[in-house]
Amino acid sequence: MNSNQRILHLFFQLYQGKKLTIAEASQNYQVSKRTIQRDLSLIQEALTESATESALIYEPVSRSYTLQRADILNVEEVIAVGKILLESRSLTKNELETILAHLGAMLSPAAQDAAKRSFANELLDYYPLKHHEDLLPLIRKFTRYIADHTVISFDYRKNRGQLVERTGLPVSLLFSEYYFYVFLYNPTYQQYLIYRLDRFGTIRETAETIKIPYKNRLQDSELRKKLYFMYAGKEVTFTFRFWGIVEAALDRLPGSKIEKKMADGSVIISATAFDSGVIMWLLSQGAQAAVLSPPSFVQKIKTEIDKMQKRYTD
């Protein structure tokens, strides 16, 4: 190992949070203590010149050197992201631990310890979703497909296990309620179809090109405003009276607003969404919500309620 290799190796050990003593390093690299001292001086000079706010610190008690470096992220930022990932349960435990380790590597050793302690109990009892699929390679693939406008043909497992083959142009990758979803534009139907990322099988890139008509183009932000649980359906603008926690309703339906406050404390809210998904949410509110308009949407709600009642009377 030449001197440049040795210095680089020493630096990476320090960068990883290890403590180095001159005596141990001299023995490990089979060079003199004076040589190791000179190597560490060169590392300190490089840190000073690079203006990275990092420094080599000597600890007299242990006679060791450590690298004190500025965090790329704050510990509270790492903990916030980590807690969201833990709660989502969307990743396998291996992928989750990999991401948390990468986030932690952007912190100083002391901050890394704080983050690890914050995650320890939840990691111990972490229960990922039942599909047990590694998603990061698929996320990487679809990010490229979307950026390069690549049309793909693929095998897909539907929610009842049936395998089908489909073709489409991936246009967006979103996360909602535990799962990652891919939106593909289908030129035959001239609409966007939604597929759950973990259900993709073999994927084949094609040489086809699909151009989305301007009138059909949709931004991710617009999708998020109108989709609920990633169920599509027809777009509907509707009003409903709500007796529950108003803030929760407004948060659940982005772009919604209060049209009127009623004497009994309820409010009338207007919103725009795709009907298949939002019906699920409205019905989940029980007697706290009553759809007022348009009449066709009110009838859809009534029909669904009739079906629900039939389940209990048959």
Protein backbone atom coordinates (compact mmCIF):
# COMPACT_ATOMS: atom_id res chain seq x y z
CA MET A 1 0.00 0.00 0.00
CA ASN A 2 1.51 3.34 -1.05
CA SER A 3 1.21 6.57 0.95
CA ASN A 4 -1.77 7.92 -1.02
CA GLN A 5 -3.71 4.69 -0.53
CA ARG A 6 -2.87 4.69 3.19
CA ILE A 7 -4.02 8.28 3.68
CA LEU A 8 -7.27 7.57 1.82
CA HIS A 9 -7.85 4.47 3.93
CA LEU A 10 -7.22 6.43 7.13
CA PHE A 11 -9.65 9.12 6.05
CA PHE A 12 -12.46 6.66 5.29
CA GLN A 13 -12.04 5.02 8.68
CA LEU A 14 -12.38 8.45 10.30
CA TYR A 15 -15.34 9.32 8.06
CA GLN A 16 -17.13 6.19 9.23
CA GLY A 17 -16.85 7.40 12.82
CA LYS A 18 -13.93 5.23 13.94
CA LYS A 19 -11.36 6.38 16.47
CA LEU A 20 -7.73 6.10 15.40
CA THR A 21 -4.63 5.99 17.58
CA ILE A 22 -1.20 6.59 16.13
CA ALA A 23 0.19 3.47 17.80
CA GLU A 24 -2.48 1.13 16.37
CA ALA A 25 -2.35 2.72 12.92
CA SER A 26 1.45 2.44 12.89
CA GLN A 27 1.18 -1.26 13.64
CA ASN A 28 -1.67 -1.91 11.17
CA TYR A 29 0.06 -0.21 8.25
CA GLN A 30 3.60 -1.23 9.31
CA VAL A 31 4.99 2.27 9.13
CA SER A 32 6.49 4.54 11.76
CA LYS A 33 4.42 6.62 14.18
CA ARG A 34 5.97 9.72 12.63
CA THR A 35 4.60 8.66 9.23
CA ILE A 36 1.07 8.23 10.64
CA GLN A 37 1.34 11.62 12.34
CA ARG A 38 2.30 13.18 9.02
CA ASP A 39 -0.62 11.42 7.27
CA LEU A 40 -3.07 12.81 9.82
CA SER A 41 -1.59 16.29 9.41
CA LEU A 42 -2.14 16.06 5.66
CA ILE A 43 -5.76 15.01 6.23
CA GLN A 44 -6.27 17.99 8.55
CA GLU A 45 -4.75 20.37 5.99
CA ALA A 46 -7.05 19.01 3.27
CA LEU A 47 -10.10 19.45 5.50
CA THR A 48 -9.11 23.04 6.32
CA GLU A 49 -8.56 23.94 2.66
CA SER A 50 -11.83 22.34 1.53
CA ALA A 51 -13.92 24.52 3.90
CA THR A 52 -16.17 21.58 4.75
CA GLU A 53 -16.61 22.61 8.40
CA SER A 54 -15.03 19.27 9.32
CA ALA A 55 -11.99 18.90 11.55
CA LEU A 56 -9.69 16.28 13.00
CA ILE A 57 -10.07 16.20 16.78
CA TYR A 58 -7.54 14.75 19.22
CA GLU A 59 -8.86 13.21 22.45
CA PRO A 60 -6.06 13.26 25.08
CA VAL A 61 -7.66 10.68 27.40
CA SER A 62 -7.89 7.94 24.78
CA ARG A 63 -5.00 9.38 22.71
CA SER A 64 -7.16 8.96 19.65
CA TYR A 65 -8.25 11.00 16.67
CA THR A 66 -11.85 11.37 15.44
CA LEU A 67 -13.39 13.26 12.57
CA GLN A 68 -15.80 15.99 13.63
CA ARG A 69 -17.92 16.87 10.64
CA ALA A 70 -20.94 19.01 9.97
CA ASP A 71 -24.12 16.98 9.49
CA ILE A 72 -25.50 17.00 5.96
CA LEU A 73 -28.91 16.47 7.54
CA ASN A 74 -30.11 17.44 10.99
CA VAL A 75 -30.86 14.57 13.35
CA GLU A 76 -34.49 15.71 13.61
CA GLU A 77 -34.79 15.52 9.80
CA VAL A 78 -33.47 11.96 9.76
CA ILE A 79 -35.77 10.94 12.60
CA ALA A 80 -38.79 12.53 10.88
CA VAL A 81 -38.14 10.68 7.60
CA GLY A 82 -37.38 7.44 9.44
CA LYS A 83 -40.60 7.59 11.48
CA ILE A 84 -42.65 8.15 8.32
CA LEU A 85 -41.02 5.15 6.64
CA LEU A 86 -41.59 2.97 9.70
CA GLU A 87 -45.25 3.93 9.88
CA SER A 88 -45.83 3.35 6.15
CA ARG A 89 -44.71 -0.33 6.41
CA SER A 90 -44.22 -0.12 2.64
CA LEU A 91 -40.66 -1.50 2.49
CA THR A 92 -39.15 -4.82 3.46
CA LYS A 93 -37.16 -4.70 6.67
CA ASN A 94 -33.90 -5.07 4.76
CA GLU A 95 -34.67 -2.12 2.47
CA LEU A 96 -35.85 -0.01 5.40
CA GLU A 97 -32.69 -0.68 7.40
CA THR A 98 -30.57 0.16 4.33
CA ILE A 99 -32.28 3.53 3.90
CA LEU A 100 -32.03 4.35 7.61
CA ALA A 101 -28.32 3.46 7.53
CA HIS A 102 -27.76 5.75 4.54
CA LEU A 103 -29.62 8.57 6.26
CA GLY A 104 -27.64 7.99 9.45
CA ALA A 105 -24.36 8.15 7.53
CA MET A 106 -25.11 11.83 6.89
CA LEU A 107 -24.96 12.51 10.63
CA SER A 108 -22.08 12.85 13.06
CA PRO A 109 -21.37 9.73 15.18
CA ALA A 110 -23.14 11.21 18.22
CA ALA A 111 -26.22 12.12 16.16
CA GLN A 112 -26.18 8.67 14.55
CA ASP A 113 -26.45 7.09 18.01
CA ALA A 114 -29.44 9.30 18.84
CA ALA A 115 -31.20 8.34 15.61
CA LYS A 116 -30.52 4.64 16.13
CA ARG A 117 -31.95 4.74 19.65
CA SER A 118 -35.05 6.49 18.30
CA PHE A 119 -35.67 3.70 15.76
CA ALA A 120 -34.57 0.69 17.83
CA ASN A 121 -37.86 -0.47 19.33
CA GLU A 122 -39.91 0.11 16.20
CA LEU A 123 -37.39 -1.79 14.05
CA LEU A 124 -37.52 -4.69 16.49
CA ASP A 125 -41.30 -4.97 16.08
CA TYR A 126 -41.45 -3.90 12.43
CA TYR A 127 -44.04 -5.77 10.37
CA PRO A 128 -43.75 -5.08 6.63
CA LEU A 129 -46.66 -5.56 4.26
CA LYS A 130 -47.61 -9.07 3.19
CA HIS A 131 -46.25 -8.89 -0.35
CA HIS A 132 -42.59 -9.10 0.89
CA GLU A 133 -41.33 -7.60 -2.38
CA ASP A 134 -38.17 -5.48 -2.59
CA LEU A 135 -39.32 -2.23 -4.18
CA LEU A 136 -36.19 -0.11 -4.54
CA PRO A 137 -35.03 -1.81 -7.80
CA LEU A 138 -38.52 -1.30 -9.26
CA ILE A 139 -38.56 2.33 -8.15
CA ARG A 140 -35.24 2.83 -9.93
CA LYS A 141 -36.57 1.17 -13.11
CA PHE A 142 -39.81 3.14 -13.26
CA THR A 143 -38.03 6.41 -12.53
CA ARG A 144 -35.99 5.76 -15.68
CA TYR A 145 -39.02 4.66 -17.72
CA ILE A 146 -40.86 7.85 -16.81
CA ALA A 147 -37.87 10.10 -17.53
CA ASP A 148 -37.11 8.41 -20.88
CA HIS A 149 -40.79 8.04 -21.95
CA THR A 150 -40.29 4.29 -22.36
CA VAL A 151 -43.32 2.22 -23.34
CA ILE A 152 -43.35 -1.12 -21.53
CA SER A 153 -45.10 -4.46 -21.82
CA PHE A 154 -45.45 -6.31 -18.54
CA ASP A 155 -47.02 -9.16 -16.63
CA TYR A 156 -49.24 -8.04 -13.76
CA ARG A 157 -50.92 -9.87 -10.89
CA LYS A 158 -54.42 -8.53 -10.23
CA ASN A 159 -55.84 -8.27 -6.72
CA ARG A 160 -57.42 -11.74 -6.93
CA GLY A 161 -54.22 -13.36 -8.21
CA GLN A 162 -55.04 -13.45 -11.92
CA LEU A 163 -52.01 -12.88 -14.18
CA VAL A 164 -52.52 -10.56 -17.14
CA GLU A 165 -50.28 -8.93 -19.75
CA ARG A 166 -50.52 -5.19 -20.33
CA THR A 167 -48.78 -2.43 -22.30
CA GLY A 168 -48.57 1.27 -21.49
CA LEU A 169 -46.53 4.40 -21.01
CA PRO A 170 -45.48 4.98 -17.37
CA VAL A 171 -46.12 8.64 -16.53
CA SER A 172 -46.00 8.88 -12.75
CA LEU A 173 -44.95 7.05 -9.59
CA LEU A 174 -46.86 7.92 -6.41
CA PHE A 175 -47.20 6.62 -2.87
CA SER A 176 -50.50 6.38 -1.02
CA GLU A 177 -51.78 4.43 1.99
CA TYR A 178 -49.04 1.77 2.33
CA TYR A 179 -48.37 1.19 -1.38
CA PHE A 180 -46.45 2.62 -4.32
CA TYR A 181 -48.49 3.00 -7.51
CA VAL A 182 -47.57 3.47 -11.16
CA PHE A 183 -49.79 5.46 -13.49
CA LEU A 184 -49.63 4.31 -17.10
CA TYR A 185 -51.31 5.96 -20.05
CA ASN A 186 -53.25 3.51 -22.21
CA PRO A 187 -53.80 4.86 -25.75
CA THR A 188 -56.60 2.37 -26.50
CA TYR A 189 -58.76 3.67 -23.67
CA GLN A 190 -57.17 7.15 -23.82
CA GLN A 191 -56.94 7.27 -20.05
CA TYR A 192 -54.60 6.61 -17.14
CA LEU A 193 -54.64 3.19 -15.52
CA ILE A 194 -53.30 2.52 -12.02
CA TYR A 195 -51.06 -0.41 -11.09
CA ARG A 196 -49.60 -1.34 -7.73
CA LEU A 197 -45.82 -1.47 -7.93
CA ASP A 198 -45.34 -4.71 -5.98
CA ARG A 199 -47.62 -6.62 -8.37
CA PHE A 200 -45.48 -6.16 -11.48
CA GLY A 201 -43.94 -9.34 -12.88
CA THR A 202 -41.66 -9.53 -15.90
CA ILE A 203 -41.22 -6.13 -17.56
CA ARG A 204 -40.20 -5.73 -21.20
CA GLU A 205 -39.11 -2.44 -22.76
CA THR A 206 -40.57 -1.84 -26.22
CA ALA A 207 -39.65 0.35 -29.16
CA GLU A 208 -43.19 1.76 -29.32
CA THR A 209 -43.94 5.43 -28.82
CA ILE A 210 -47.10 6.80 -27.24
CA LYS A 211 -47.96 10.48 -27.38
CA ILE A 212 -50.46 11.70 -24.82
CA PRO A 213 -52.91 14.24 -26.27
CA TYR A 214 -52.50 17.60 -24.60
CA LYS A 215 -56.07 17.52 -23.27
CA ASN A 216 -55.29 14.26 -21.44
CA ARG A 217 -52.08 15.38 -19.77
CA LEU A 218 -52.24 15.36 -16.00
CA GLN A 219 -49.71 16.55 -13.43
CA ASP A 220 -48.82 14.56 -10.30
CA SER A 221 -50.18 17.36 -8.15
CA GLU A 222 -53.56 17.11 -9.88
CA LEU A 223 -53.63 13.34 -9.44
CA ARG A 224 -53.05 13.70 -5.72
CA LYS A 225 -55.91 16.15 -5.37
CA LYS A 226 -58.44 13.85 -7.00
CA LEU A 227 -57.42 10.30 -6.09
CA TYR A 228 -58.24 8.46 -2.89
CA PHE A 229 -56.73 5.07 -2.09
CA MET A 230 -55.55 5.07 -5.72
CA TYR A 231 -59.00 4.10 -6.99
CA ALA A 232 -59.83 6.02 -10.13
CA GLY A 233 -63.29 6.18 -11.68
CA LYS A 234 -64.94 9.28 -13.10
CA GLU A 235 -64.08 12.76 -11.93
CA VAL A 236 -66.89 14.36 -9.96
CA THR A 237 -67.30 17.72 -8.25
CA PHE A 238 -69.67 17.28 -5.33
CA THR A 239 -70.88 18.80 -2.07
CA PHE A 240 -71.53 17.04 1.19
CA ARG A 241 -72.61 17.96 4.69
CA PHE A 242 -70.17 16.90 7.37
CA TRP A 243 -70.64 16.55 11.12
CA GLY A 244 -67.20 15.12 11.90
CA ILE A 245 -63.76 16.67 12.39
CA VAL A 246 -63.67 19.27 9.63
CA GLU A 247 -59.88 19.54 9.46
CA ALA A 248 -59.61 15.79 8.84
CA ALA A 249 -62.06 15.99 5.94
CA LEU A 250 -60.30 18.93 4.33
CA ASP A 251 -56.91 17.20 4.72
CA ARG A 252 -58.27 14.00 3.21
CA LEU A 253 -59.65 15.82 0.14
CA PRO A 254 -56.99 18.25 -1.16
CA GLY A 255 -58.51 21.30 -2.81
CA SER A 256 -61.76 20.96 -0.87
CA LYS A 257 -63.26 23.97 0.88
CA ILE A 258 -66.03 24.92 3.28
CA GLU A 259 -68.99 26.44 1.46
CA LYS A 260 -71.24 27.05 4.46
CA LYS A 261 -71.30 26.63 8.24
CA MET A 262 -74.55 25.29 9.65
CA ALA A 263 -76.26 26.17 12.95
CA ASP A 264 -75.74 22.67 14.41
CA GLY A 265 -71.94 22.87 13.95
CA SER A 266 -71.84 20.87 10.72
CA VAL A 267 -70.42 22.32 7.49
CA ILE A 268 -71.08 21.97 3.80
CA ILE A 269 -67.91 21.11 1.89
CA SER A 270 -67.26 21.09 -1.85
CA ALA A 271 -64.58 18.89 -3.42
CA THR A 272 -63.44 17.31 -6.67
CA ALA A 273 -62.28 13.69 -6.81
CA PHE A 274 -62.54 10.46 -8.75
CA ASP A 275 -65.74 8.82 -7.58
CA SER A 276 -64.71 5.18 -7.02
CA GLY A 277 -62.21 6.04 -4.31
CA VAL A 278 -63.96 8.93 -2.62
CA ILE A 279 -67.16 6.90 -2.21
CA MET A 280 -65.15 4.56 0.02
CA TRP A 281 -64.09 7.44 2.24
CA LEU A 282 -67.55 9.02 2.41
CA LEU A 283 -69.12 5.72 3.44
CA SER A 284 -66.39 5.15 6.03
CA GLN A 285 -67.62 8.28 7.82
CA GLY A 286 -71.00 6.66 8.59
CA ALA A 287 -73.66 9.15 9.69
CA GLN A 288 -71.07 11.94 9.88
CA ALA A 289 -71.33 12.61 6.12
CA ALA A 290 -74.25 13.11 3.73
CA VAL A 291 -73.70 13.83 0.02
CA LEU A 292 -75.90 16.66 -1.27
CA SER A 293 -75.04 17.05 -4.95
CA PRO A 294 -74.96 16.32 -7.83
CA PRO A 295 -78.03 14.03 -7.93
CA SER A 296 -76.22 11.35 -9.97
CA PHE A 297 -73.50 11.08 -7.32
CA VAL A 298 -76.08 11.02 -4.51
CA GLN A 299 -77.72 8.08 -6.30
CA LYS A 300 -74.38 6.24 -6.49
CA ILE A 301 -73.99 6.62 -2.73
CA LYS A 302 -77.54 5.40 -2.12
CA THR A 303 -76.99 2.40 -4.39
CA GLU A 304 -73.85 1.46 -2.50
CA ILE A 305 -75.64 1.80 0.85
CA ASP A 306 -78.43 -0.46 -0.44
CA LYS A 307 -75.83 -3.06 -1.40
CA MET A 308 -74.29 -2.80 2.07
CA GLN A 309 -77.66 -3.32 3.75
CA LYS A 310 -78.34 -6.31 1.52
CA ARG A 311 -75.16 -7.95 2.79
CA TYR A 312 -76.65 -7.95 6.28
CA THR A 313 -80.18 -9.00 5.31
CA ASP A 314 -79.46 -11.90 2.93
